[in-house]
Amino acid sequence: MPRPTPIIALNVVARFLVLLAPPLPPLRLRARHRRPILPAMLALSAPHLVWPLRGSAGAVPTPVAREPDQTAVLAQSAQAPPPVSEPVPQRWDAVIVVDPSLYTEPDPAQPCPVGQPERLFPLYMDDNLVGRRDDRREIRPEIVVVDPGVSHRHLSFRRRNDGGFSVLELGSANGTTLNETWLEPGIDTPLTDGDRLTLGCWTRITIRAR
């Protein structure tokens, strides 16, 4: 039998040592050789976010929201129609009538003047005083009311900056109601078409605006 050569003997010994040696750990690549697969996948699934790669490959990226398209915003604002405001009536009238149903406690000495026609007063001035006339005290209202329960300076119809009118209760003796609600003295209350005021013993005023 021929003797083994030294090279063959070394190969046998090397294989035997390989079988006895423990397994080597898996080879790890350096961080700079690894590709950022996760940020790329997220960028494809969520295009509205930008994933910047900062620091090492193991750092957690911070999502940054994109700024809205200013051109689209301006286009939408240009297409939106402006709000439409109702025009303010230019003519305002106060219609005064005698309403006997308001005279709940009649005084025989001061009977209600039944059958009186309605009176129309255009509100031309910026401040229209309503009350009873008193020449001795030089109180001459623009709208004269013949009613013993109405004060000489009862209320005033005042023009607003937008062209409309408001009513101001001047602290009368018997007060004023607007649509069955008592007015607070000294507070301007805006008026609208069809508002109804009651004052005195039998006087009712209806506002007409057009």
C-alpha atoms as a PDB file:
ATOM      1  CA  MET A   1       0.000   0.000   0.000  1.00  0.00           C
ATOM      2  CA  PRO A   2       1.505   3.366  -0.973  1.00  0.00           C
ATOM      3  CA  ARG A   3       2.101   5.974   1.775  1.00  0.00           C
ATOM      4  CA  PRO A   4       0.071   9.176   1.646  1.00  0.00           C
ATOM      5  CA  THR A   5       1.861  12.216   0.439  1.00  0.00           C
ATOM      6  CA  PRO A   6       2.239  15.212   2.829  1.00  0.00           C
ATOM      7  CA  ILE A   7      -0.225  17.337   0.788  1.00  0.00           C
ATOM      8  CA  ILE A   8      -2.966  14.724   1.058  1.00  0.00           C
ATOM      9  CA  ALA A   9      -2.319  14.388   4.793  1.00  0.00           C
ATOM     10  CA  LEU A  10      -2.645  18.162   5.277  1.00  0.00           C
ATOM     11  CA  ASN A  11      -5.967  18.238   3.397  1.00  0.00           C
ATOM     12  CA  VAL A  12      -7.366  15.489   5.594  1.00  0.00           C
ATOM     13  CA  VAL A  13      -6.267  17.285   8.749  1.00  0.00           C
ATOM     14  CA  ALA A  14      -7.768  20.626   7.505  1.00  0.00           C
ATOM     15  CA  ARG A  15     -11.147  19.039   6.768  1.00  0.00           C
ATOM     16  CA  PHE A  16     -11.158  17.427  10.193  1.00  0.00           C
ATOM     17  CA  LEU A  17     -10.425  20.759  11.851  1.00  0.00           C
ATOM     18  CA  VAL A  18     -13.225  22.464   9.871  1.00  0.00           C
ATOM     19  CA  LEU A  19     -15.725  19.899  11.153  1.00  0.00           C
ATOM     20  CA  LEU A  20     -14.639  20.438  14.743  1.00  0.00           C
ATOM     21  CA  ALA A  21     -14.588  24.297  14.613  1.00  0.00           C
ATOM     22  CA  PRO A  22     -17.781  26.255  15.705  1.00  0.00           C
ATOM     23  CA  PRO A  23     -19.856  27.962  12.985  1.00  0.00           C
ATOM     24  CA  LEU A  24     -18.791  31.471  12.084  1.00  0.00           C
ATOM     25  CA  PRO A  25     -21.281  34.371  12.575  1.00  0.00           C
ATOM     26  CA  PRO A  26     -22.990  35.713   9.450  1.00  0.00           C
ATOM     27  CA  LEU A  27     -21.174  38.384   7.576  1.00  0.00           C
ATOM     28  CA  ARG A  28     -22.604  41.906   8.181  1.00  0.00           C
ATOM     29  CA  LEU A  29     -22.175  44.732   5.794  1.00  0.00           C
ATOM     30  CA  ARG A  30     -21.322  48.194   6.932  1.00  0.00           C
ATOM     31  CA  ALA A  31     -24.124  50.739   7.246  1.00  0.00           C
ATOM     32  CA  ARG A  32     -22.891  52.739   4.289  1.00  0.00           C
ATOM     33  CA  HIS A  33     -23.371  49.711   1.987  1.00  0.00           C
ATOM     34  CA  ARG A  34     -26.988  49.097   2.965  1.00  0.00           C
ATOM     35  CA  ARG A  35     -29.754  50.586   0.818  1.00  0.00           C
ATOM     36  CA  PRO A  36     -32.654  52.519   2.487  1.00  0.00           C
ATOM     37  CA  ILE A  37     -35.421  50.140   1.343  1.00  0.00           C
ATOM     38  CA  LEU A  38     -38.075  51.149   3.936  1.00  0.00           C
ATOM     39  CA  PRO A  39     -38.065  54.918   3.216  1.00  0.00           C
ATOM     40  CA  ALA A  40     -38.259  54.190  -0.506  1.00  0.00           C
ATOM     41  CA  MET A  41     -41.290  51.906  -0.017  1.00  0.00           C
ATOM     42  CA  LEU A  42     -43.006  54.521   2.189  1.00  0.00           C
ATOM     43  CA  ALA A  43     -42.324  57.246  -0.340  1.00  0.00           C
ATOM     44  CA  LEU A  44     -44.062  55.157  -3.021  1.00  0.00           C
ATOM     45  CA  SER A  45     -47.091  54.393  -0.831  1.00  0.00           C
ATOM     46  CA  ALA A  46     -47.409  57.942   0.637  1.00  0.00           C
ATOM     47  CA  PRO A  47     -46.324  60.499  -1.974  1.00  0.00           C
ATOM     48  CA  HIS A  48     -47.673  63.398   0.125  1.00  0.00           C
ATOM     49  CA  LEU A  49     -44.854  62.900   2.636  1.00  0.00           C
ATOM     50  CA  VAL A  50     -41.152  63.489   2.102  1.00  0.00           C
ATOM     51  CA  TRP A  51     -38.763  61.181   3.980  1.00  0.00           C
ATOM     52  CA  PRO A  52     -35.325  62.826   4.329  1.00  0.00           C
ATOM     53  CA  LEU A  53     -32.406  60.521   5.048  1.00  0.00           C
ATOM     54  CA  ARG A  54     -30.442  62.042   7.892  1.00  0.00           C
ATOM     55  CA  GLY A  55     -27.607  60.558   9.876  1.00  0.00           C
ATOM     56  CA  SER A  56     -26.913  56.871   9.678  1.00  0.00           C
ATOM     57  CA  ALA A  57     -29.064  54.305   7.929  1.00  0.00           C
ATOM     58  CA  GLY A  58     -30.560  53.192  11.250  1.00  0.00           C
ATOM     59  CA  ALA A  59     -31.950  56.653  12.154  1.00  0.00           C
ATOM     60  CA  VAL A  60     -35.728  57.091  12.113  1.00  0.00           C
ATOM     61  CA  PRO A  61     -36.728  59.557   9.356  1.00  0.00           C
ATOM     62  CA  THR A  62     -38.989  62.528  10.208  1.00  0.00           C
ATOM     63  CA  PRO A  63     -41.993  63.083   7.905  1.00  0.00           C
ATOM     64  CA  VAL A  64     -42.320  66.607   6.528  1.00  0.00           C
ATOM     65  CA  ALA A  65     -45.629  67.739   5.023  1.00  0.00           C
ATOM     66  CA  ARG A  66     -45.474  69.473   1.685  1.00  0.00           C
ATOM     67  CA  GLU A  67     -46.696  73.035   1.371  1.00  0.00           C
ATOM     68  CA  PRO A  68     -50.053  73.432  -0.424  1.00  0.00           C
ATOM     69  CA  ASP A  69     -50.025  74.483  -4.015  1.00  0.00           C
ATOM     70  CA  GLN A  70     -50.506  78.257  -3.909  1.00  0.00           C
ATOM     71  CA  THR A  71     -51.651  78.321  -7.516  1.00  0.00           C
ATOM     72  CA  ALA A  72     -54.496  75.888  -6.765  1.00  0.00           C
ATOM     73  CA  VAL A  73     -55.484  77.869  -3.671  1.00  0.00           C
ATOM     74  CA  LEU A  74     -55.614  81.132  -5.618  1.00  0.00           C
ATOM     75  CA  ALA A  75     -57.621  79.475  -8.383  1.00  0.00           C
ATOM     76  CA  GLN A  76     -60.201  78.155  -5.900  1.00  0.00           C
ATOM     77  CA  SER A  77     -60.518  81.562  -4.206  1.00  0.00           C
ATOM     78  CA  ALA A  78     -60.954  83.243  -7.590  1.00  0.00           C
ATOM     79  CA  GLN A  79     -63.738  80.819  -8.546  1.00  0.00           C
ATOM     80  CA  ALA A  80     -65.640  81.258  -5.240  1.00  0.00           C
ATOM     81  CA  PRO A  81     -68.477  83.764  -5.729  1.00  0.00           C
ATOM     82  CA  PRO A  82     -68.499  86.766  -3.366  1.00  0.00           C
ATOM     83  CA  PRO A  83     -71.206  86.832  -0.683  1.00  0.00           C
ATOM     84  CA  VAL A  84     -74.372  88.575  -1.815  1.00  0.00           C
ATOM     85  CA  SER A  85     -75.802  91.068   0.670  1.00  0.00           C
ATOM     86  CA  GLU A  86     -79.387  92.198   0.495  1.00  0.00           C
ATOM     87  CA  PRO A  87     -79.780  95.829  -0.539  1.00  0.00           C
ATOM     88  CA  VAL A  88     -80.872  98.251   2.151  1.00  0.00           C
ATOM     89  CA  PRO A  89     -84.247  99.902   1.434  1.00  0.00           C
ATOM     90  CA  GLN A  90     -83.909 103.527   0.401  1.00  0.00           C
ATOM     91  CA  ARG A  91     -87.358 104.745   1.426  1.00  0.00           C
ATOM     92  CA  TRP A  92     -88.715 104.417   4.954  1.00  0.00           C
ATOM     93  CA  ASP A  93     -92.184 105.449   6.105  1.00  0.00           C
ATOM     94  CA  ALA A  94     -93.971 105.461   9.454  1.00  0.00           C
ATOM     95  CA  VAL A  95     -97.695 104.743   9.217  1.00  0.00           C
ATOM     96  CA  ILE A  96     -99.700 105.815  12.297  1.00  0.00           C
ATOM     97  CA  VAL A  97    -103.166 104.454  13.043  1.00  0.00           C
ATOM     98  CA  VAL A  98    -105.548 104.629  15.987  1.00  0.00           C
ATOM     99  CA  ASP A  99    -106.150 101.132  17.389  1.00  0.00           C
ATOM    100  CA  PRO A 100    -109.085 101.133  19.861  1.00  0.00           C
ATOM    101  CA  SER A 101    -108.153  97.612  21.025  1.00  0.00           C
ATOM    102  CA  LEU A 102    -105.105  99.099  22.766  1.00  0.00           C
ATOM    103  CA  TYR A 103    -107.301 101.342  24.934  1.00  0.00           C
ATOM    104  CA  THR A 104    -107.906  98.756  27.668  1.00  0.00           C
ATOM    105  CA  GLU A 105    -108.701 101.300  30.444  1.00  0.00           C
ATOM    106  CA  PRO A 106    -110.811 103.967  28.727  1.00  0.00           C
ATOM    107  CA  ASP A 107    -111.260 107.348  30.367  1.00  0.00           C
ATOM    108  CA  PRO A 108    -114.637 109.035  29.671  1.00  0.00           C
ATOM    109  CA  ALA A 109    -112.890 112.404  29.747  1.00  0.00           C
ATOM    110  CA  GLN A 110    -110.538 111.281  26.969  1.00  0.00           C
ATOM    111  CA  PRO A 111    -112.467 109.100  24.506  1.00  0.00           C
ATOM    112  CA  CYS A 112    -110.648 107.184  21.758  1.00  0.00           C
ATOM    113  CA  PRO A 113    -110.951 108.959  18.374  1.00  0.00           C
ATOM    114  CA  VAL A 114    -112.511 106.079  16.453  1.00  0.00           C
ATOM    115  CA  GLY A 115    -112.634 106.246  12.664  1.00  0.00           C
ATOM    116  CA  GLN A 116    -109.488 108.304  12.166  1.00  0.00           C
ATOM    117  CA  PRO A 117    -107.664 107.607   8.860  1.00  0.00           C
ATOM    118  CA  GLU A 118    -104.102 106.395   8.902  1.00  0.00           C
ATOM    119  CA  ARG A 119    -101.349 108.962   8.566  1.00  0.00           C
ATOM    120  CA  LEU A 120     -98.116 108.376   6.640  1.00  0.00           C
ATOM    121  CA  PHE A 121     -94.887 110.145   7.584  1.00  0.00           C
ATOM    122  CA  PRO A 122     -91.848 109.694   5.263  1.00  0.00           C
ATOM    123  CA  LEU A 123     -88.616 109.445   7.243  1.00  0.00           C
ATOM    124  CA  TYR A 124     -86.582 111.998   5.343  1.00  0.00           C
ATOM    125  CA  MET A 125     -84.451 113.376   8.162  1.00  0.00           C
ATOM    126  CA  ASP A 126     -81.610 111.647   9.979  1.00  0.00           C
ATOM    127  CA  ASP A 127     -83.388 112.131  13.319  1.00  0.00           C
ATOM    128  CA  ASN A 128     -87.205 112.052  13.378  1.00  0.00           C
ATOM    129  CA  LEU A 129     -88.734 112.897  16.750  1.00  0.00           C
ATOM    130  CA  VAL A 130     -92.092 111.306  17.648  1.00  0.00           C
ATOM    131  CA  GLY A 131     -94.283 112.868  20.338  1.00  0.00           C
ATOM    132  CA  ARG A 132     -96.946 115.405  21.271  1.00  0.00           C
ATOM    133  CA  ARG A 133     -96.514 118.999  20.179  1.00  0.00           C
ATOM    134  CA  ASP A 134     -96.039 121.722  22.781  1.00  0.00           C
ATOM    135  CA  ASP A 135     -95.560 125.216  21.353  1.00  0.00           C
ATOM    136  CA  ARG A 136     -95.168 126.776  24.787  1.00  0.00           C
ATOM    137  CA  ARG A 137     -92.128 124.580  25.460  1.00  0.00           C
ATOM    138  CA  GLU A 138     -91.044 124.766  21.799  1.00  0.00           C
ATOM    139  CA  ILE A 139     -91.348 121.011  21.312  1.00  0.00           C
ATOM    140  CA  ARG A 140     -92.246 120.434  17.675  1.00  0.00           C
ATOM    141  CA  PRO A 141     -91.752 116.783  16.691  1.00  0.00           C
ATOM    142  CA  GLU A 142     -91.374 115.766  13.056  1.00  0.00           C
ATOM    143  CA  ILE A 143     -94.073 113.127  13.685  1.00  0.00           C
ATOM    144  CA  VAL A 144     -96.864 114.560  15.817  1.00  0.00           C
ATOM    145  CA  VAL A 145     -99.059 112.074  17.687  1.00  0.00           C
ATOM    146  CA  VAL A 146    -102.373 113.132  19.252  1.00  0.00           C
ATOM    147  CA  ASP A 147    -102.573 110.724  22.173  1.00  0.00           C
ATOM    148  CA  PRO A 148    -102.680 111.630  25.908  1.00  0.00           C
ATOM    149  CA  GLY A 149    -100.501 108.630  26.753  1.00  0.00           C
ATOM    150  CA  VAL A 150     -97.669 109.732  24.440  1.00  0.00           C
ATOM    151  CA  SER A 151     -94.875 111.869  25.847  1.00  0.00           C
ATOM    152  CA  HIS A 152     -93.781 115.098  24.188  1.00  0.00           C
ATOM    153  CA  ARG A 153     -90.400 113.502  23.445  1.00  0.00           C
ATOM    154  CA  HIS A 154     -91.444 109.873  23.214  1.00  0.00           C
ATOM    155  CA  LEU A 155     -89.067 108.213  20.728  1.00  0.00           C
ATOM    156  CA  SER A 156     -86.964 108.926  17.678  1.00  0.00           C
ATOM    157  CA  PHE A 157     -86.403 107.220  14.326  1.00  0.00           C
ATOM    158  CA  ARG A 158     -82.695 107.570  13.480  1.00  0.00           C
ATOM    159  CA  ARG A 159     -80.882 106.872  10.218  1.00  0.00           C
ATOM    160  CA  ARG A 160     -78.012 104.357  10.377  1.00  0.00           C
ATOM    161  CA  ASN A 161     -74.756 104.515   8.437  1.00  0.00           C
ATOM    162  CA  ASP A 162     -75.922 101.814   5.999  1.00  0.00           C
ATOM    163  CA  GLY A 163     -79.055 103.802   5.094  1.00  0.00           C
ATOM    164  CA  GLY A 164     -81.456 101.859   7.330  1.00  0.00           C
ATOM    165  CA  PHE A 165     -83.283 103.135  10.401  1.00  0.00           C
ATOM    166  CA  SER A 166     -83.372 102.354  14.098  1.00  0.00           C
ATOM    167  CA  VAL A 167     -85.706 103.370  16.908  1.00  0.00           C
ATOM    168  CA  LEU A 168     -84.506 105.034  20.117  1.00  0.00           C
ATOM    169  CA  GLU A 169     -86.758 105.124  23.174  1.00  0.00           C
ATOM    170  CA  LEU A 170     -86.238 108.476  24.903  1.00  0.00           C
ATOM    171  CA  GLY A 171     -87.410 107.451  28.368  1.00  0.00           C
ATOM    172  CA  SER A 172     -91.114 108.155  27.862  1.00  0.00           C
ATOM    173  CA  ALA A 173     -93.597 107.991  30.724  1.00  0.00           C
ATOM    174  CA  ASN A 174     -95.532 104.954  29.420  1.00  0.00           C
ATOM    175  CA  GLY A 175     -92.870 103.228  27.328  1.00  0.00           C
ATOM    176  CA  THR A 176     -92.906 101.659  23.849  1.00  0.00           C
ATOM    177  CA  THR A 177     -93.195  98.112  22.559  1.00  0.00           C
ATOM    178  CA  LEU A 178     -91.621  96.841  19.330  1.00  0.00           C
ATOM    179  CA  ASN A 179     -93.338  93.696  18.058  1.00  0.00           C
ATOM    180  CA  GLU A 180     -94.791  93.198  21.582  1.00  0.00           C
ATOM    181  CA  THR A 181     -91.381  93.563  23.265  1.00  0.00           C
ATOM    182  CA  TRP A 182     -90.647  96.502  25.535  1.00  0.00           C
ATOM    183  CA  LEU A 183     -87.826  98.753  24.368  1.00  0.00           C
ATOM    184  CA  GLU A 184     -85.011  99.728  26.705  1.00  0.00           C
ATOM    185  CA  PRO A 185     -84.596 103.531  26.922  1.00  0.00           C
ATOM    186  CA  GLY A 186     -81.427 104.902  25.369  1.00  0.00           C
ATOM    187  CA  ILE A 187     -80.653 101.826  23.207  1.00  0.00           C
ATOM    188  CA  ASP A 188     -80.826 101.965  19.410  1.00  0.00           C
ATOM    189  CA  THR A 189     -82.809  99.039  17.986  1.00  0.00           C
ATOM    190  CA  PRO A 190     -82.590  98.354  14.211  1.00  0.00           C
ATOM    191  CA  LEU A 191     -85.867  98.369  12.297  1.00  0.00           C
ATOM    192  CA  THR A 192     -87.047  96.212   9.412  1.00  0.00           C
ATOM    193  CA  ASP A 193     -89.978  96.363   7.040  1.00  0.00           C
ATOM    194  CA  GLY A 194     -93.241  95.486   8.802  1.00  0.00           C
ATOM    195  CA  ASP A 195     -92.131  96.234  12.384  1.00  0.00           C
ATOM    196  CA  ARG A 196     -94.987  97.416  14.626  1.00  0.00           C
ATOM    197  CA  LEU A 197     -94.655  99.767  17.562  1.00  0.00           C
ATOM    198  CA  THR A 198     -97.321 100.544  20.156  1.00  0.00           C
ATOM    199  CA  LEU A 199     -97.251 103.615  22.389  1.00  0.00           C
ATOM    200  CA  GLY A 200     -99.619 105.813  24.364  1.00  0.00           C
ATOM    201  CA  CYS A 201    -103.253 104.841  24.845  1.00  0.00           C
ATOM    202  CA  TRP A 202    -104.256 103.831  21.305  1.00  0.00           C
ATOM    203  CA  THR A 203    -101.399 104.594  18.896  1.00  0.00           C
ATOM    204  CA  ARG A 204     -99.812 101.964  16.660  1.00  0.00           C
ATOM    205  CA  ILE A 205     -96.963 102.702  14.221  1.00  0.00           C
ATOM    206  CA  THR A 206     -96.060 100.375  11.333  1.00  0.00           C
ATOM    207  CA  ILE A 207     -92.702 100.689   9.536  1.00  0.00           C
ATOM    208  CA  ARG A 208     -92.666 100.390   5.765  1.00  0.00           C
ATOM    209  CA  ALA A 209     -89.354 100.063   3.934  1.00  0.00           C
ATOM    210  CA  ARG A 210     -88.833  99.726   0.196  1.00  0.00           C
END
